[in-house]
Amino acid sequence: MQKQDTGFLELIAAGNTIGAPEGDLLKCAGTSVPTAYRNELMRLVVVFADSELAGAAGFCPFINRGPGLRERIVAAKIVTEKYVHAELALALLKPFGVNPLLYVRSHAWDSRLDRHLDLGTRRIGGDKRLNVFHYPLEGWEDALVFNMLMGAATAIQLAEMQHCSYLPLAEAIGQILPREQEHAKLGESGVAQAIERGGNQAAVQAAVNYWYPRVTATFGRVDSDHATTYIQYGLRRRSSTEMLGDWKAQSAASLKRLGLAVAN
């Protein structure tokens, strides 16, 4: 670590924050921010933007699979809000030279891989979506289970950035987080209604068994260098292990309320 980086980490540890770029420069307490911070910040925002774009595109075809008008309205609302979140994220990247219009057209956001693959935490090429968004949805109940489990994970992960060192990101998360928390609640209520309506609890449990380990993988490796760096830079507060523990506890409670079990 360079001396400049050491001094910067001391500023962050003391509670200093970084505002919007001045020209193309980021500054903290009047001092230029290291390039490494800018790189990690952009990576964090890109992963979120790509995941929201891919998540919205993947759920779009299932809006009309809803059994009733109310379910379709809720599904459309979730898709719309995910696109709004992606728009907010891309606005954060614009000062760093990203053209939102070109960016949205740069990948096939609705593309999916074989459902039987298990990518774990390893990254694959193309866009930077979380691996869970490479797997296709199968049917309405499957999509509901995915939204319940992934919605809770997203809310926990975003909450870590609500008071981060980069103020424009913290402000954007303040707008995004309440909606993502609502998505998780809507997912659980949707699963409850699906079980009550159809009684096909075995199929819903099968969806839990499929998605649970794949959502678990979104928290990354325990020994991830990026996760450690995020904490040092004030972009997150807690480790992946701590966040994963929260998600497992919340998911276990939700599944118990639904008469479902955590996948082994």
Foldseek 3Di string as FASTA:
>chain_A
DDPLQVVLLVLVVVPWFWEAADQLFIDTPNHTDDPVLVVLVLLVLQQLLLQLLLLLLQLVVCLVLDPDPVSSVVSVVSSVLSNVLSVLSVVSCVSVPDDVVVVSVQDDSPAADEQPDDPQQDDDDDGNYGNLSNHHADGDLLSLLLQQLLLLLVLLVLVQQCSFRYVSSVVSSVVNNVSSNVSNVVSLVVNLVVCVVPVPVVVNLVSLLSCVSSSLSSLDDQPDPSQVVCCSRRRGPDGSVVSSVVSVVVVQVSQVVSVYHHHD
